[in-house]
Amino acid sequence: MVAQKGKDLLLKIDSDGGGTYQTVAGLRARSIAFNAEPVDVTDTESVGRWRELLEGAGVRRAGLAGSGIFKDGASDETVRQVFFDGLIRNWQVVIPDFGTITAPFQIVRLEYGGDHNREVTFDLAMESAGAVTFAAA
């Protein structure tokens, strides 16, 4: 993947569950982590007593953390309401020239900040609440 403009990284939400995604924010900084908990099946007959893992088992999850600015007041209100209501919504993270990650996420942290002579920014963290899919660009 060649260098891309960070301003093109977008966060989208399906706010009504109808499958139509609306852009709520441009992310200035972000990270997404995929994790899988291994299932240890080591026993007394394991060769050399080396750990053995059960293939395809365990819990997989994705976590997203990001910061940026909201597209507009309505976007801010949508995200804030989803957080306060504890809702799980389908989200998309669009990574230019790479692809789109789509999954149901729950917002687990939402923070606001800003300097007196700059725009209001947000920081959020989300945890997956279902299957994660990836579509290449």
Protein backbone atom coordinates (compact mmCIF):
# COMPACT_ATOMS: atom_id res chain seq x y z
CA MET A 1 0.00 0.00 0.00
CA VAL A 2 1.41 3.38 -0.97
CA ALA A 3 1.14 6.46 1.27
CA GLN A 4 -2.39 7.82 1.57
CA LYS A 5 -3.85 11.05 2.85
CA GLY A 6 -4.96 10.63 6.45
CA LYS A 7 -7.86 12.98 5.84
CA ASP A 8 -9.41 10.35 3.58
CA LEU A 9 -9.81 7.85 6.42
CA LEU A 10 -13.52 7.85 7.29
CA LEU A 11 -15.77 6.51 10.02
CA LYS A 12 -19.31 5.67 8.94
CA ILE A 13 -22.36 4.45 10.89
CA ASP A 14 -25.56 2.67 9.95
CA SER A 15 -27.55 4.75 12.44
CA ASP A 16 -30.98 3.27 11.74
CA GLY A 17 -30.07 -0.34 10.94
CA GLY A 18 -31.24 0.04 7.33
CA GLY A 19 -27.87 -0.62 5.72
CA THR A 20 -27.25 2.97 4.63
CA TYR A 21 -24.00 4.30 6.02
CA GLN A 22 -23.42 7.97 6.72
CA THR A 23 -20.05 9.54 7.34
CA VAL A 24 -19.81 10.87 10.88
CA ALA A 25 -16.14 11.75 11.15
CA GLY A 26 -12.79 12.03 9.52
CA LEU A 27 -10.23 10.32 11.69
CA ARG A 28 -6.94 12.12 12.26
CA ALA A 29 -5.39 9.30 14.24
CA ARG A 30 -6.61 5.77 14.62
CA SER A 31 -5.69 2.21 15.35
CA ILE A 32 -7.54 -1.01 14.79
CA ALA A 33 -6.48 -4.22 16.46
CA PHE A 34 -7.62 -7.75 15.73
CA ASN A 35 -7.21 -10.32 18.49
CA ALA A 36 -7.83 -14.02 18.87
CA GLU A 37 -7.72 -15.80 22.20
CA PRO A 38 -5.95 -19.12 21.82
CA VAL A 39 -7.36 -22.34 23.25
CA ASP A 40 -4.59 -24.30 24.94
CA VAL A 41 -4.94 -28.08 24.48
CA THR A 42 -1.53 -29.06 25.82
CA ASP A 43 -1.51 -32.29 27.77
CA THR A 44 1.00 -34.74 29.23
CA GLU A 45 1.48 -36.36 25.82
CA SER A 46 2.35 -33.11 24.01
CA VAL A 47 5.69 -33.54 22.22
CA GLY A 48 8.47 -32.08 24.36
CA ARG A 49 5.76 -30.56 26.56
CA TRP A 50 5.44 -27.76 24.03
CA ARG A 51 2.19 -25.87 24.11
CA GLU A 52 -0.44 -26.96 21.60
CA LEU A 53 -3.30 -24.76 20.41
CA LEU A 54 -6.66 -25.78 19.00
CA GLU A 55 -6.89 -24.48 15.45
CA GLY A 56 -9.90 -22.32 14.62
CA ALA A 57 -11.10 -22.07 18.22
CA GLY A 58 -11.19 -19.19 20.65
CA VAL A 59 -12.85 -15.81 20.70
CA ARG A 60 -11.90 -13.27 18.05
CA ARG A 61 -12.47 -9.56 18.46
CA ALA A 62 -11.61 -6.20 16.98
CA GLY A 63 -11.01 -2.95 18.80
CA LEU A 64 -10.95 0.47 17.19
CA ALA A 65 -9.61 3.66 18.72
CA GLY A 66 -9.59 6.98 16.96
CA SER A 67 -9.57 10.72 17.27
CA GLY A 68 -10.68 13.45 14.94
CA ILE A 69 -13.42 15.95 14.28
CA PHE A 70 -17.08 15.34 13.60
CA LYS A 71 -18.46 16.12 10.15
CA ASP A 72 -21.22 18.28 11.63
CA GLY A 73 -23.47 18.73 14.65
CA ALA A 74 -25.85 15.99 13.54
CA SER A 75 -22.98 13.50 13.33
CA ASP A 76 -21.84 14.45 16.82
CA GLU A 77 -25.39 14.00 18.12
CA THR A 78 -25.73 10.58 16.45
CA VAL A 79 -22.51 9.23 17.96
CA ARG A 80 -23.24 10.74 21.37
CA GLN A 81 -26.75 9.22 21.46
CA VAL A 82 -25.47 5.79 20.39
CA PHE A 83 -22.95 5.97 23.24
CA PHE A 84 -25.40 7.14 25.94
CA ASP A 85 -27.99 4.55 24.89
CA GLY A 86 -25.35 1.78 24.92
CA LEU A 87 -26.39 0.73 21.42
CA ILE A 88 -24.58 -1.64 19.10
CA ARG A 89 -24.58 -0.38 15.53
CA ASN A 90 -22.92 -1.45 12.31
CA TRP A 91 -19.92 0.73 11.49
CA GLN A 92 -17.55 1.03 8.58
CA VAL A 93 -13.96 2.19 8.65
CA VAL A 94 -12.93 3.24 5.16
CA ILE A 95 -9.19 3.04 4.53
CA PRO A 96 -8.44 4.65 1.15
CA ASP A 97 -6.94 2.38 -1.52
CA PHE A 98 -6.91 -0.49 1.00
CA GLY A 99 -10.47 -1.43 1.84
CA THR A 100 -13.41 -1.18 4.19
CA ILE A 101 -13.83 -2.89 7.54
CA THR A 102 -17.46 -3.44 8.50
CA ALA A 103 -18.70 -4.76 11.84
CA PRO A 104 -21.15 -4.18 14.64
CA PHE A 105 -19.38 -2.14 17.32
CA GLN A 106 -20.26 -0.68 20.68
CA ILE A 107 -18.69 2.61 21.72
CA VAL A 108 -16.90 1.95 25.02
CA ARG A 109 -15.20 5.34 25.42
CA LEU A 110 -16.12 8.81 24.15
CA GLU A 111 -14.10 11.89 25.08
CA TYR A 112 -14.21 15.50 23.92
CA GLY A 113 -11.43 18.03 24.06
CA GLY A 114 -10.07 21.18 22.52
CA ASP A 115 -7.87 24.21 22.94
CA HIS A 116 -9.44 27.63 23.34
CA ASN A 117 -8.29 28.70 19.85
CA ARG A 118 -8.97 25.43 17.97
CA GLU A 119 -11.83 23.13 17.04
CA VAL A 120 -13.45 20.61 19.36
CA THR A 121 -12.03 17.13 18.87
CA PHE A 122 -13.16 13.71 20.01
CA ASP A 123 -11.52 10.47 21.02
CA LEU A 124 -13.42 7.22 21.00
CA ALA A 125 -12.87 3.52 21.44
CA MET A 126 -15.13 0.79 20.12
CA GLU A 127 -15.25 -2.97 20.60
CA SER A 128 -16.65 -5.43 18.08
CA ALA A 129 -19.93 -7.11 18.93
CA GLY A 130 -20.18 -9.59 16.06
CA ALA A 131 -18.57 -10.75 12.85
CA VAL A 132 -15.98 -8.48 11.23
CA THR A 133 -15.73 -8.35 7.45
CA PHE A 134 -13.17 -6.81 5.15
CA ALA A 135 -13.75 -5.70 1.55
CA ALA A 136 -10.66 -4.79 -0.47
CA ALA A 137 -10.73 -1.51 -2.37
